[in-house]
Amino acid sequence: MKRTWTSVLPLLAVLVAVALVFFGNIDRDQSIQLLNVSYDPTRELFQDLDQQFVLKFERETGQKLTIKQSHGGSSRQAHAVIEGLEADIVSLALPSDIDLLRKHGLIKDGWPDRLPNHSQPYTSTIVFVVRRGNPKSIKDWPDLVRPDVSVITPNPKTSGNGKLSLLAAWGSIIYRGGNEEQARDYLRRLYQNVAVLGSGARDSTITFIQDKIGDIHLTWENEARFETQESQGELEIVYPPISIRAEPSVSWVDKIVGRKKTEGYAKAYLEFLFSRPAQETIARYGYRPIDPEILREYANRLPAVQLFPVTLVAKDWDDAQQKFFADNGVFDLVCTPPPK
């Protein structure tokens, strides 16, 4: 019997629909997307690392991979994930910010031991950025509480940079033999000199560079390098004799990667951060790699500083969070934030 086009068309439509579903599934299977939720000043670092890992991954597997980034104040980013931001990976300023996700059931217990060096691919510290020629002769922490000095630093309630700056300031008193009462008095005087509390590291950078507010910016070592390079000689870095050893940490977010079936990809990406090529990139962007050989190679850009651990000022990072930054903690009790 002779078939007509009207009788064939329904069958063709079914076959086309099946083909579209089949090939659509293949494309989705081969296209992986990860979201790295990170803290404020890591944009440039992770853009470079992401490109390196994507090229390596696609060359080795033949699969397409896209890594997206989200940046903001570290504590604010942690709360965004808790509130529903679909992070496969978190790379935050403090271990306590990641541990907050564990407390909310998003990350499994024991997460620091799943990657090398307690899941810390690099360390950093807090340094000073001053105007050209250092007109206020700022060299050490006591200089920050002089009445003629205006300070820029982020808000410790939202920013890892802000938290670490406060802990470094407090620790500068304890390290030199002072007691907590003296450290509390120092913090009170320091925050009286703060002109603007930004929400995050990059926010404070804009205030200091573009708005030209303040005599000194308390910031990450890598952000200080970024600022001085961009300033065309208008800014200088001052390394205080002592500061805190910052320990930014990374993890995959178990609840999210389990649902999205991306755990293997997220784990491979984070393991890459500990490889030699990634460690070299980390050093080039002004972070302190955990690879001692690479750290020695970059000693001229990452000079030796006496860095004290968080245990000088608290039992651990979680205790520091509760002691200094929880409601009615040290920051709330001694510091009245100026209006932004």
C-alpha atoms as a PDB file:
ATOM      1  CA  MET A   1       0.000   0.000   0.000  1.00  0.00           C
ATOM      2  CA  LYS A   2       1.292   3.428  -0.901  1.00  0.00           C
ATOM      3  CA  ARG A   3       2.185   5.613   2.138  1.00  0.00           C
ATOM      4  CA  THR A   4       1.275   9.272   2.138  1.00  0.00           C
ATOM      5  CA  TRP A   5       3.365  12.068   3.743  1.00  0.00           C
ATOM      6  CA  THR A   6       0.537  12.657   6.194  1.00  0.00           C
ATOM      7  CA  SER A   7       0.895   9.130   7.517  1.00  0.00           C
ATOM      8  CA  VAL A   8       4.706   9.331   7.710  1.00  0.00           C
ATOM      9  CA  LEU A   9       4.947  12.740   9.402  1.00  0.00           C
ATOM     10  CA  PRO A  10       3.786  11.591  12.861  1.00  0.00           C
ATOM     11  CA  LEU A  11       6.413   8.834  12.837  1.00  0.00           C
ATOM     12  CA  LEU A  12       9.110  11.280  11.771  1.00  0.00           C
ATOM     13  CA  ALA A  13       8.107  13.649  14.537  1.00  0.00           C
ATOM     14  CA  VAL A  14       8.494  10.886  17.097  1.00  0.00           C
ATOM     15  CA  LEU A  15      11.909   9.892  15.711  1.00  0.00           C
ATOM     16  CA  VAL A  16      13.117  13.509  15.750  1.00  0.00           C
ATOM     17  CA  ALA A  17      11.923  13.967  19.331  1.00  0.00           C
ATOM     18  CA  VAL A  18      13.713  10.795  20.430  1.00  0.00           C
ATOM     19  CA  ALA A  19      16.892  11.911  18.660  1.00  0.00           C
ATOM     20  CA  LEU A  20      16.775  15.334  20.278  1.00  0.00           C
ATOM     21  CA  VAL A  21      16.395  13.818  23.721  1.00  0.00           C
ATOM     22  CA  PHE A  22      19.172  11.303  23.071  1.00  0.00           C
ATOM     23  CA  PHE A  23      21.694  13.785  21.730  1.00  0.00           C
ATOM     24  CA  GLY A  24      20.649  16.379  24.255  1.00  0.00           C
ATOM     25  CA  ASN A  25      21.479  13.916  27.029  1.00  0.00           C
ATOM     26  CA  ILE A  26      24.861  13.192  25.497  1.00  0.00           C
ATOM     27  CA  ASP A  27      25.662  16.903  25.394  1.00  0.00           C
ATOM     28  CA  ARG A  28      24.628  17.374  28.999  1.00  0.00           C
ATOM     29  CA  ASP A  29      26.651  14.370  30.091  1.00  0.00           C
ATOM     30  CA  GLN A  30      29.763  15.796  28.436  1.00  0.00           C
ATOM     31  CA  SER A  31      29.297  19.373  29.650  1.00  0.00           C
ATOM     32  CA  ILE A  32      30.136  19.791  33.342  1.00  0.00           C
ATOM     33  CA  GLN A  33      29.671  23.031  35.226  1.00  0.00           C
ATOM     34  CA  LEU A  34      31.161  23.868  38.621  1.00  0.00           C
ATOM     35  CA  LEU A  35      30.627  26.936  40.799  1.00  0.00           C
ATOM     36  CA  ASN A  36      33.484  28.071  43.040  1.00  0.00           C
ATOM     37  CA  VAL A  37      32.221  30.409  45.774  1.00  0.00           C
ATOM     38  CA  SER A  38      35.209  32.343  47.049  1.00  0.00           C
ATOM     39  CA  TYR A  39      36.191  35.419  49.026  1.00  0.00           C
ATOM     40  CA  ASP A  40      36.714  38.912  47.732  1.00  0.00           C
ATOM     41  CA  PRO A  41      40.274  39.355  46.360  1.00  0.00           C
ATOM     42  CA  THR A  42      40.735  35.939  44.689  1.00  0.00           C
ATOM     43  CA  ARG A  43      39.075  36.807  41.365  1.00  0.00           C
ATOM     44  CA  GLU A  44      42.247  37.097  39.325  1.00  0.00           C
ATOM     45  CA  LEU A  45      43.908  34.084  40.947  1.00  0.00           C
ATOM     46  CA  PHE A  46      41.035  31.709  40.274  1.00  0.00           C
ATOM     47  CA  GLN A  47      40.460  33.000  36.752  1.00  0.00           C
ATOM     48  CA  ASP A  48      43.994  31.863  35.945  1.00  0.00           C
ATOM     49  CA  LEU A  49      43.744  28.579  37.860  1.00  0.00           C
ATOM     50  CA  ASP A  50      40.360  27.794  36.308  1.00  0.00           C
ATOM     51  CA  GLN A  51      41.716  28.223  32.784  1.00  0.00           C
ATOM     52  CA  GLN A  52      44.663  25.965  33.536  1.00  0.00           C
ATOM     53  CA  PHE A  53      42.499  23.221  35.029  1.00  0.00           C
ATOM     54  CA  VAL A  54      39.861  23.379  32.289  1.00  0.00           C
ATOM     55  CA  LEU A  55      42.511  22.980  29.567  1.00  0.00           C
ATOM     56  CA  LYS A  56      44.084  20.064  31.433  1.00  0.00           C
ATOM     57  CA  PHE A  57      40.737  18.399  32.114  1.00  0.00           C
ATOM     58  CA  GLU A  58      39.384  18.731  28.594  1.00  0.00           C
ATOM     59  CA  ARG A  59      42.662  17.540  27.063  1.00  0.00           C
ATOM     60  CA  GLU A  60      42.716  14.443  29.288  1.00  0.00           C
ATOM     61  CA  THR A  61      39.006  13.533  29.229  1.00  0.00           C
ATOM     62  CA  GLY A  62      37.537  15.031  26.067  1.00  0.00           C
ATOM     63  CA  GLN A  63      34.695  16.421  28.156  1.00  0.00           C
ATOM     64  CA  LYS A  64      33.664  20.057  28.290  1.00  0.00           C
ATOM     65  CA  LEU A  65      34.030  21.808  31.635  1.00  0.00           C
ATOM     66  CA  THR A  66      32.979  25.282  32.758  1.00  0.00           C
ATOM     67  CA  ILE A  67      33.990  26.762  36.119  1.00  0.00           C
ATOM     68  CA  LYS A  68      32.042  29.786  37.298  1.00  0.00           C
ATOM     69  CA  GLN A  69      33.082  32.082  40.148  1.00  0.00           C
ATOM     70  CA  SER A  70      31.288  34.004  42.867  1.00  0.00           C
ATOM     71  CA  HIS A  71      33.127  36.530  45.068  1.00  0.00           C
ATOM     72  CA  GLY A  72      32.322  38.628  48.115  1.00  0.00           C
ATOM     73  CA  GLY A  73      33.133  38.977  51.793  1.00  0.00           C
ATOM     74  CA  SER A  74      34.054  35.502  53.069  1.00  0.00           C
ATOM     75  CA  SER A  75      31.470  35.266  55.858  1.00  0.00           C
ATOM     76  CA  ARG A  76      28.807  36.703  53.589  1.00  0.00           C
ATOM     77  CA  GLN A  77      29.669  34.084  50.957  1.00  0.00           C
ATOM     78  CA  ALA A  78      29.344  31.272  53.508  1.00  0.00           C
ATOM     79  CA  HIS A  79      25.876  32.520  54.465  1.00  0.00           C
ATOM     80  CA  ALA A  80      24.921  32.778  50.775  1.00  0.00           C
ATOM     81  CA  VAL A  81      25.681  29.056  50.343  1.00  0.00           C
ATOM     82  CA  ILE A  82      23.668  28.242  53.470  1.00  0.00           C
ATOM     83  CA  GLU A  83      20.785  30.254  52.017  1.00  0.00           C
ATOM     84  CA  GLY A  84      20.849  28.352  48.727  1.00  0.00           C
ATOM     85  CA  LEU A  85      23.730  29.447  46.487  1.00  0.00           C
ATOM     86  CA  GLU A  86      24.588  26.253  44.566  1.00  0.00           C
ATOM     87  CA  ALA A  87      28.328  26.036  45.302  1.00  0.00           C
ATOM     88  CA  ASP A  88      30.126  22.880  44.218  1.00  0.00           C
ATOM     89  CA  ILE A  89      33.315  24.303  45.754  1.00  0.00           C
ATOM     90  CA  VAL A  90      34.014  26.822  48.491  1.00  0.00           C
ATOM     91  CA  SER A  91      37.385  28.551  48.821  1.00  0.00           C
ATOM     92  CA  LEU A  92      37.005  30.881  51.782  1.00  0.00           C
ATOM     93  CA  ALA A  93      39.244  33.112  53.862  1.00  0.00           C
ATOM     94  CA  LEU A  94      39.036  31.229  57.164  1.00  0.00           C
ATOM     95  CA  PRO A  95      38.518  27.565  58.101  1.00  0.00           C
ATOM     96  CA  SER A  96      35.690  28.682  60.394  1.00  0.00           C
ATOM     97  CA  ASP A  97      33.734  30.024  57.402  1.00  0.00           C
ATOM     98  CA  ILE A  98      33.805  26.571  55.794  1.00  0.00           C
ATOM     99  CA  ASP A  99      33.103  24.848  59.089  1.00  0.00           C
ATOM    100  CA  LEU A 100      29.922  26.907  59.354  1.00  0.00           C
ATOM    101  CA  LEU A 101      28.697  24.964  56.306  1.00  0.00           C
ATOM    102  CA  ARG A 102      29.490  21.722  58.114  1.00  0.00           C
ATOM    103  CA  LYS A 103      27.407  22.868  61.070  1.00  0.00           C
ATOM    104  CA  HIS A 104      24.502  23.414  58.681  1.00  0.00           C
ATOM    105  CA  GLY A 105      24.813  19.917  57.213  1.00  0.00           C
ATOM    106  CA  LEU A 106      26.227  20.952  53.840  1.00  0.00           C
ATOM    107  CA  ILE A 107      29.746  19.551  54.309  1.00  0.00           C
ATOM    108  CA  LYS A 108      30.738  16.296  56.000  1.00  0.00           C
ATOM    109  CA  ASP A 109      32.635  16.016  59.263  1.00  0.00           C
ATOM    110  CA  GLY A 110      36.403  15.733  58.864  1.00  0.00           C
ATOM    111  CA  TRP A 111      36.501  17.899  55.733  1.00  0.00           C
ATOM    112  CA  PRO A 112      39.954  19.418  56.526  1.00  0.00           C
ATOM    113  CA  ASP A 113      41.577  15.975  56.247  1.00  0.00           C
ATOM    114  CA  ARG A 114      40.245  15.198  52.765  1.00  0.00           C
ATOM    115  CA  LEU A 115      42.939  17.257  51.025  1.00  0.00           C
ATOM    116  CA  PRO A 116      46.652  17.933  51.724  1.00  0.00           C
ATOM    117  CA  ASN A 117      47.777  20.441  54.370  1.00  0.00           C
ATOM    118  CA  HIS A 118      44.391  20.432  56.137  1.00  0.00           C
ATOM    119  CA  SER A 119      42.735  21.597  52.899  1.00  0.00           C
ATOM    120  CA  GLN A 120      44.808  24.809  52.819  1.00  0.00           C
ATOM    121  CA  PRO A 121      46.556  25.214  49.425  1.00  0.00           C
ATOM    122  CA  TYR A 122      48.266  28.439  50.501  1.00  0.00           C
ATOM    123  CA  THR A 123      48.638  30.864  53.396  1.00  0.00           C
ATOM    124  CA  SER A 124      48.685  34.644  53.531  1.00  0.00           C
ATOM    125  CA  THR A 125      48.838  37.521  55.994  1.00  0.00           C
ATOM    126  CA  ILE A 126      47.730  41.088  56.643  1.00  0.00           C
ATOM    127  CA  VAL A 127      50.020  43.983  55.660  1.00  0.00           C
ATOM    128  CA  PHE A 128      49.823  47.775  55.383  1.00  0.00           C
ATOM    129  CA  VAL A 129      49.339  49.827  52.220  1.00  0.00           C
ATOM    130  CA  VAL A 130      50.245  53.519  52.535  1.00  0.00           C
ATOM    131  CA  ARG A 131      50.414  56.578  50.288  1.00  0.00           C
ATOM    132  CA  ARG A 132      53.570  57.330  48.287  1.00  0.00           C
ATOM    133  CA  GLY A 133      56.497  58.239  50.519  1.00  0.00           C
ATOM    134  CA  ASN A 134      54.614  57.000  53.589  1.00  0.00           C
ATOM    135  CA  PRO A 135      53.883  60.578  54.752  1.00  0.00           C
ATOM    136  CA  LYS A 136      52.549  59.438  58.135  1.00  0.00           C
ATOM    137  CA  SER A 137      55.662  57.235  58.768  1.00  0.00           C
ATOM    138  CA  ILE A 138      53.535  54.159  59.496  1.00  0.00           C
ATOM    139  CA  LYS A 139      55.774  51.188  60.257  1.00  0.00           C
ATOM    140  CA  ASP A 140      54.135  49.102  62.978  1.00  0.00           C
ATOM    141  CA  TRP A 141      50.806  48.394  64.684  1.00  0.00           C
ATOM    142  CA  PRO A 142      51.172  51.103  67.383  1.00  0.00           C
ATOM    143  CA  ASP A 143      51.245  53.748  64.625  1.00  0.00           C
ATOM    144  CA  LEU A 144      47.658  52.906  63.654  1.00  0.00           C
ATOM    145  CA  VAL A 145      46.170  54.377  66.838  1.00  0.00           C
ATOM    146  CA  ARG A 146      47.839  57.778  66.555  1.00  0.00           C
ATOM    147  CA  PRO A 147      45.223  60.544  66.367  1.00  0.00           C
ATOM    148  CA  ASP A 148      46.485  61.764  62.978  1.00  0.00           C
ATOM    149  CA  VAL A 149      46.118  58.381  61.218  1.00  0.00           C
ATOM    150  CA  SER A 150      42.999  57.374  59.257  1.00  0.00           C
ATOM    151  CA  VAL A 151      42.535  53.620  58.694  1.00  0.00           C
ATOM    152  CA  ILE A 152      40.623  51.672  56.039  1.00  0.00           C
ATOM    153  CA  THR A 153      39.680  48.055  56.807  1.00  0.00           C
ATOM    154  CA  PRO A 154      36.673  45.838  56.004  1.00  0.00           C
ATOM    155  CA  ASN A 155      33.919  44.934  58.441  1.00  0.00           C
ATOM    156  CA  PRO A 156      34.825  41.807  60.452  1.00  0.00           C
ATOM    157  CA  LYS A 157      31.166  40.769  60.446  1.00  0.00           C
ATOM    158  CA  THR A 158      31.185  40.174  56.680  1.00  0.00           C
ATOM    159  CA  SER A 159      34.821  39.980  55.569  1.00  0.00           C
ATOM    160  CA  GLY A 160      37.659  37.537  56.135  1.00  0.00           C
ATOM    161  CA  ASN A 161      40.075  40.416  55.546  1.00  0.00           C
ATOM    162  CA  GLY A 162      38.258  42.316  58.289  1.00  0.00           C
ATOM    163  CA  LYS A 163      38.421  39.401  60.702  1.00  0.00           C
ATOM    164  CA  LEU A 164      42.111  38.785  60.100  1.00  0.00           C
ATOM    165  CA  SER A 165      42.963  42.472  60.423  1.00  0.00           C
ATOM    166  CA  LEU A 166      41.285  42.569  63.838  1.00  0.00           C
ATOM    167  CA  LEU A 167      42.998  39.353  64.961  1.00  0.00           C
ATOM    168  CA  ALA A 168      46.373  40.627  63.724  1.00  0.00           C
ATOM    169  CA  ALA A 169      45.899  43.880  65.630  1.00  0.00           C
ATOM    170  CA  TRP A 170      44.856  42.087  68.824  1.00  0.00           C
ATOM    171  CA  GLY A 171      47.694  39.574  68.457  1.00  0.00           C
ATOM    172  CA  SER A 172      50.274  42.337  67.992  1.00  0.00           C
ATOM    173  CA  ILE A 173      49.628  43.286  71.633  1.00  0.00           C
ATOM    174  CA  ILE A 174      49.567  39.727  72.996  1.00  0.00           C
ATOM    175  CA  TYR A 175      52.670  38.691  71.019  1.00  0.00           C
ATOM    176  CA  ARG A 176      54.687  41.446  72.681  1.00  0.00           C
ATOM    177  CA  GLY A 177      53.629  40.462  76.180  1.00  0.00           C
ATOM    178  CA  GLY A 178      50.485  42.537  76.578  1.00  0.00           C
ATOM    179  CA  ASN A 179      47.307  41.255  78.193  1.00  0.00           C
ATOM    180  CA  GLU A 180      43.749  41.098  76.892  1.00  0.00           C
ATOM    181  CA  GLU A 181      42.715  44.300  78.614  1.00  0.00           C
ATOM    182  CA  GLN A 182      45.498  46.141  76.786  1.00  0.00           C
ATOM    183  CA  ALA A 183      44.557  44.440  73.517  1.00  0.00           C
ATOM    184  CA  ARG A 184      40.914  45.462  73.998  1.00  0.00           C
ATOM    185  CA  ASP A 185      41.934  49.067  74.625  1.00  0.00           C
ATOM    186  CA  TYR A 186      44.119  49.029  71.526  1.00  0.00           C
ATOM    187  CA  LEU A 187      41.248  47.737  69.366  1.00  0.00           C
ATOM    188  CA  ARG A 188      38.934  50.421  70.685  1.00  0.00           C
ATOM    189  CA  ARG A 189      41.393  53.141  69.699  1.00  0.00           C
ATOM    190  CA  LEU A 190      42.109  51.493  66.342  1.00  0.00           C
ATOM    191  CA  TYR A 191      38.470  51.358  65.276  1.00  0.00           C
ATOM    192  CA  GLN A 192      37.968  54.947  66.363  1.00  0.00           C
ATOM    193  CA  ASN A 193      40.475  55.742  63.587  1.00  0.00           C
ATOM    194  CA  VAL A 194      38.614  53.711  60.939  1.00  0.00           C
ATOM    195  CA  ALA A 195      37.088  56.044  58.368  1.00  0.00           C
ATOM    196  CA  VAL A 196      35.042  53.465  56.404  1.00  0.00           C
ATOM    197  CA  LEU A 197      34.245  49.795  57.080  1.00  0.00           C
ATOM    198  CA  GLY A 198      33.799  48.105  53.705  1.00  0.00           C
ATOM    199  CA  SER A 199      31.794  44.922  53.254  1.00  0.00           C
ATOM    200  CA  GLY A 200      34.785  43.065  51.797  1.00  0.00           C
ATOM    201  CA  ALA A 201      38.445  43.349  50.814  1.00  0.00           C
ATOM    202  CA  ARG A 202      37.872  44.665  47.292  1.00  0.00           C
ATOM    203  CA  ASP A 203      35.279  47.145  48.551  1.00  0.00           C
ATOM    204  CA  SER A 204      37.877  48.630  50.914  1.00  0.00           C
ATOM    205  CA  THR A 205      40.449  48.660  48.123  1.00  0.00           C
ATOM    206  CA  ILE A 206      38.136  50.835  46.021  1.00  0.00           C
ATOM    207  CA  THR A 207      37.595  53.176  48.981  1.00  0.00           C
ATOM    208  CA  PHE A 208      41.339  53.558  49.511  1.00  0.00           C
ATOM    209  CA  ILE A 209      42.458  53.803  45.872  1.00  0.00           C
ATOM    210  CA  GLN A 210      39.610  55.396  43.956  1.00  0.00           C
ATOM    211  CA  ASP A 211      37.982  57.465  46.698  1.00  0.00           C
ATOM    212  CA  LYS A 212      41.402  58.276  48.197  1.00  0.00           C
ATOM    213  CA  ILE A 213      40.116  57.948  51.758  1.00  0.00           C
ATOM    214  CA  GLY A 214      42.503  56.989  54.561  1.00  0.00           C
ATOM    215  CA  ASP A 215      46.224  57.017  55.261  1.00  0.00           C
ATOM    216  CA  ILE A 216      46.597  53.242  55.565  1.00  0.00           C
ATOM    217  CA  HIS A 217      44.747  50.210  54.256  1.00  0.00           C
ATOM    218  CA  LEU A 218      44.858  46.974  56.273  1.00  0.00           C
ATOM    219  CA  THR A 219      44.645  44.255  53.660  1.00  0.00           C
ATOM    220  CA  TRP A 220      45.696  40.858  52.371  1.00  0.00           C
ATOM    221  CA  GLU A 221      49.287  40.587  51.180  1.00  0.00           C
ATOM    222  CA  ASN A 222      48.150  39.652  47.665  1.00  0.00           C
ATOM    223  CA  GLU A 223      45.643  42.518  47.561  1.00  0.00           C
ATOM    224  CA  ALA A 224      48.415  44.900  48.639  1.00  0.00           C
ATOM    225  CA  ARG A 225      50.483  43.799  45.635  1.00  0.00           C
ATOM    226  CA  PHE A 226      47.470  44.317  43.373  1.00  0.00           C
ATOM    227  CA  GLU A 227      46.891  47.805  44.779  1.00  0.00           C
ATOM    228  CA  THR A 228      50.472  48.974  44.430  1.00  0.00           C
ATOM    229  CA  GLN A 229      50.801  47.601  40.894  1.00  0.00           C
ATOM    230  CA  GLU A 230      47.612  49.343  39.816  1.00  0.00           C
ATOM    231  CA  SER A 231      48.511  52.637  41.504  1.00  0.00           C
ATOM    232  CA  GLN A 232      51.464  53.504  39.210  1.00  0.00           C
ATOM    233  CA  GLY A 233      53.689  54.474  42.120  1.00  0.00           C
ATOM    234  CA  GLU A 234      51.055  56.228  44.228  1.00  0.00           C
ATOM    235  CA  LEU A 235      51.000  53.481  46.911  1.00  0.00           C
ATOM    236  CA  GLU A 236      53.577  51.443  48.848  1.00  0.00           C
ATOM    237  CA  ILE A 237      53.506  48.238  50.895  1.00  0.00           C
ATOM    238  CA  VAL A 238      54.725  48.310  54.491  1.00  0.00           C
ATOM    239  CA  TYR A 239      55.340  44.965  56.160  1.00  0.00           C
ATOM    240  CA  PRO A 240      54.790  45.208  59.923  1.00  0.00           C
ATOM    241  CA  PRO A 241      57.338  43.250  61.993  1.00  0.00           C
ATOM    242  CA  ILE A 242      54.622  40.790  63.068  1.00  0.00           C
ATOM    243  CA  SER A 243      51.248  39.741  61.711  1.00  0.00           C
ATOM    244  CA  ILE A 244      48.858  36.795  61.687  1.00  0.00           C
ATOM    245  CA  ARG A 245      49.233  33.681  59.561  1.00  0.00           C
ATOM    246  CA  ALA A 246      46.040  33.512  57.510  1.00  0.00           C
ATOM    247  CA  GLU A 247      44.932  30.030  56.446  1.00  0.00           C
ATOM    248  CA  PRO A 248      42.364  30.202  53.622  1.00  0.00           C
ATOM    249  CA  SER A 249      40.747  26.804  53.107  1.00  0.00           C
ATOM    250  CA  VAL A 250      38.884  24.873  50.415  1.00  0.00           C
ATOM    251  CA  SER A 251      36.298  22.105  50.236  1.00  0.00           C
ATOM    252  CA  TRP A 252      33.689  20.603  47.978  1.00  0.00           C
ATOM    253  CA  VAL A 253      30.126  21.021  49.272  1.00  0.00           C
ATOM    254  CA  ASP A 254      28.912  17.467  49.838  1.00  0.00           C
ATOM    255  CA  LYS A 255      25.185  18.108  49.796  1.00  0.00           C
ATOM    256  CA  ILE A 256      25.323  20.026  46.533  1.00  0.00           C
ATOM    257  CA  VAL A 257      27.830  17.879  44.613  1.00  0.00           C
ATOM    258  CA  GLY A 258      25.929  14.787  45.737  1.00  0.00           C
ATOM    259  CA  ARG A 259      22.730  16.123  44.219  1.00  0.00           C
ATOM    260  CA  LYS A 260      24.454  17.398  41.051  1.00  0.00           C
ATOM    261  CA  LYS A 261      26.738  14.344  40.762  1.00  0.00           C
ATOM    262  CA  THR A 262      29.812  16.582  40.483  1.00  0.00           C
ATOM    263  CA  GLU A 263      31.862  15.388  43.460  1.00  0.00           C
ATOM    264  CA  GLY A 264      34.554  13.724  41.352  1.00  0.00           C
ATOM    265  CA  TYR A 265      35.072  16.841  39.260  1.00  0.00           C
ATOM    266  CA  ALA A 266      35.105  19.163  42.268  1.00  0.00           C
ATOM    267  CA  LYS A 267      37.593  16.930  44.076  1.00  0.00           C
ATOM    268  CA  ALA A 268      39.879  16.772  41.020  1.00  0.00           C
ATOM    269  CA  TYR A 269      39.813  20.570  40.755  1.00  0.00           C
ATOM    270  CA  LEU A 270      40.733  21.058  44.412  1.00  0.00           C
ATOM    271  CA  GLU A 271      43.500  18.451  44.218  1.00  0.00           C
ATOM    272  CA  PHE A 272      44.912  20.411  41.269  1.00  0.00           C
ATOM    273  CA  LEU A 273      45.436  23.421  43.574  1.00  0.00           C
ATOM    274  CA  PHE A 274      48.196  21.473  45.348  1.00  0.00           C
ATOM    275  CA  SER A 275      50.067  20.621  42.109  1.00  0.00           C
ATOM    276  CA  ARG A 276      53.281  22.377  41.165  1.00  0.00           C
ATOM    277  CA  PRO A 277      51.793  24.414  38.279  1.00  0.00           C
ATOM    278  CA  ALA A 278      48.999  25.674  40.533  1.00  0.00           C
ATOM    279  CA  GLN A 279      51.397  26.403  43.395  1.00  0.00           C
ATOM    280  CA  GLU A 280      53.557  28.479  41.055  1.00  0.00           C
ATOM    281  CA  THR A 281      50.484  30.427  39.951  1.00  0.00           C
ATOM    282  CA  ILE A 282      49.474  30.953  43.575  1.00  0.00           C
ATOM    283  CA  ALA A 283      52.899  32.440  44.347  1.00  0.00           C
ATOM    284  CA  ARG A 284      52.832  34.625  41.240  1.00  0.00           C
ATOM    285  CA  TYR A 285      49.599  36.227  42.419  1.00  0.00           C
ATOM    286  CA  GLY A 286      51.033  37.065  45.832  1.00  0.00           C
ATOM    287  CA  TYR A 287      49.778  34.178  47.963  1.00  0.00           C
ATOM    288  CA  ARG A 288      52.195  32.030  49.977  1.00  0.00           C
ATOM    289  CA  PRO A 289      52.305  28.514  48.475  1.00  0.00           C
ATOM    290  CA  ILE A 290      52.652  25.516  50.751  1.00  0.00           C
ATOM    291  CA  ASP A 291      55.340  24.079  48.456  1.00  0.00           C
ATOM    292  CA  PRO A 292      58.522  25.194  50.273  1.00  0.00           C
ATOM    293  CA  GLU A 293      60.667  25.127  47.142  1.00  0.00           C
ATOM    294  CA  ILE A 294      58.325  27.478  45.271  1.00  0.00           C
ATOM    295  CA  LEU A 295      58.032  29.733  48.328  1.00  0.00           C
ATOM    296  CA  ARG A 296      61.845  30.055  48.350  1.00  0.00           C
ATOM    297  CA  GLU A 297      61.830  30.899  44.649  1.00  0.00           C
ATOM    298  CA  TYR A 298      59.444  33.790  45.332  1.00  0.00           C
ATOM    299  CA  ALA A 299      61.152  35.020  48.517  1.00  0.00           C
ATOM    300  CA  ASN A 300      61.846  38.423  46.963  1.00  0.00           C
ATOM    301  CA  ARG A 301      58.105  38.960  46.431  1.00  0.00           C
ATOM    302  CA  LEU A 302      56.966  37.200  49.607  1.00  0.00           C
ATOM    303  CA  PRO A 303      59.456  38.350  52.257  1.00  0.00           C
ATOM    304  CA  ALA A 304      59.864  36.614  55.584  1.00  0.00           C
ATOM    305  CA  VAL A 305      57.608  38.038  58.291  1.00  0.00           C
ATOM    306  CA  GLN A 306      57.100  36.847  61.864  1.00  0.00           C
ATOM    307  CA  LEU A 307      53.646  35.304  61.530  1.00  0.00           C
ATOM    308  CA  PHE A 308      51.830  34.116  64.631  1.00  0.00           C
ATOM    309  CA  PRO A 309      49.161  31.366  64.533  1.00  0.00           C
ATOM    310  CA  VAL A 310      45.539  31.843  65.505  1.00  0.00           C
ATOM    311  CA  THR A 311      46.280  29.883  68.690  1.00  0.00           C
ATOM    312  CA  LEU A 312      48.040  32.959  70.057  1.00  0.00           C
ATOM    313  CA  VAL A 313      44.660  34.696  70.366  1.00  0.00           C
ATOM    314  CA  ALA A 314      42.172  31.798  70.633  1.00  0.00           C
ATOM    315  CA  LYS A 315      41.986  27.996  70.938  1.00  0.00           C
ATOM    316  CA  ASP A 316      41.404  27.626  67.190  1.00  0.00           C
ATOM    317  CA  TRP A 317      39.629  29.341  64.296  1.00  0.00           C
ATOM    318  CA  ASP A 318      36.188  28.324  65.534  1.00  0.00           C
ATOM    319  CA  ASP A 319      36.926  29.689  68.997  1.00  0.00           C
ATOM    320  CA  ALA A 320      38.225  32.915  67.424  1.00  0.00           C
ATOM    321  CA  GLN A 321      34.950  33.275  65.523  1.00  0.00           C
ATOM    322  CA  GLN A 322      32.910  32.927  68.712  1.00  0.00           C
ATOM    323  CA  LYS A 323      35.202  35.020  70.898  1.00  0.00           C
ATOM    324  CA  PHE A 324      35.671  37.962  68.565  1.00  0.00           C
ATOM    325  CA  PHE A 325      32.894  38.028  65.956  1.00  0.00           C
ATOM    326  CA  ALA A 326      29.759  36.377  67.351  1.00  0.00           C
ATOM    327  CA  ASP A 327      27.000  38.563  68.742  1.00  0.00           C
ATOM    328  CA  ASN A 328      28.311  40.352  71.852  1.00  0.00           C
ATOM    329  CA  GLY A 329      31.838  39.219  71.009  1.00  0.00           C
ATOM    330  CA  VAL A 330      34.904  41.421  71.274  1.00  0.00           C
ATOM    331  CA  PHE A 331      34.134  43.374  68.102  1.00  0.00           C
ATOM    332  CA  ASP A 332      30.589  44.189  69.208  1.00  0.00           C
ATOM    333  CA  LEU A 333      31.703  45.161  72.699  1.00  0.00           C
ATOM    334  CA  VAL A 334      34.593  47.449  71.862  1.00  0.00           C
ATOM    335  CA  CYS A 335      33.953  48.722  68.354  1.00  0.00           C
ATOM    336  CA  THR A 336      31.191  51.002  67.163  1.00  0.00           C
ATOM    337  CA  PRO A 337      31.297  50.744  63.353  1.00  0.00           C
ATOM    338  CA  PRO A 338      31.271  54.139  61.631  1.00  0.00           C
ATOM    339  CA  PRO A 339      28.581  54.698  59.004  1.00  0.00           C
ATOM    340  CA  LYS A 340      29.563  53.533  55.540  1.00  0.00           C
END
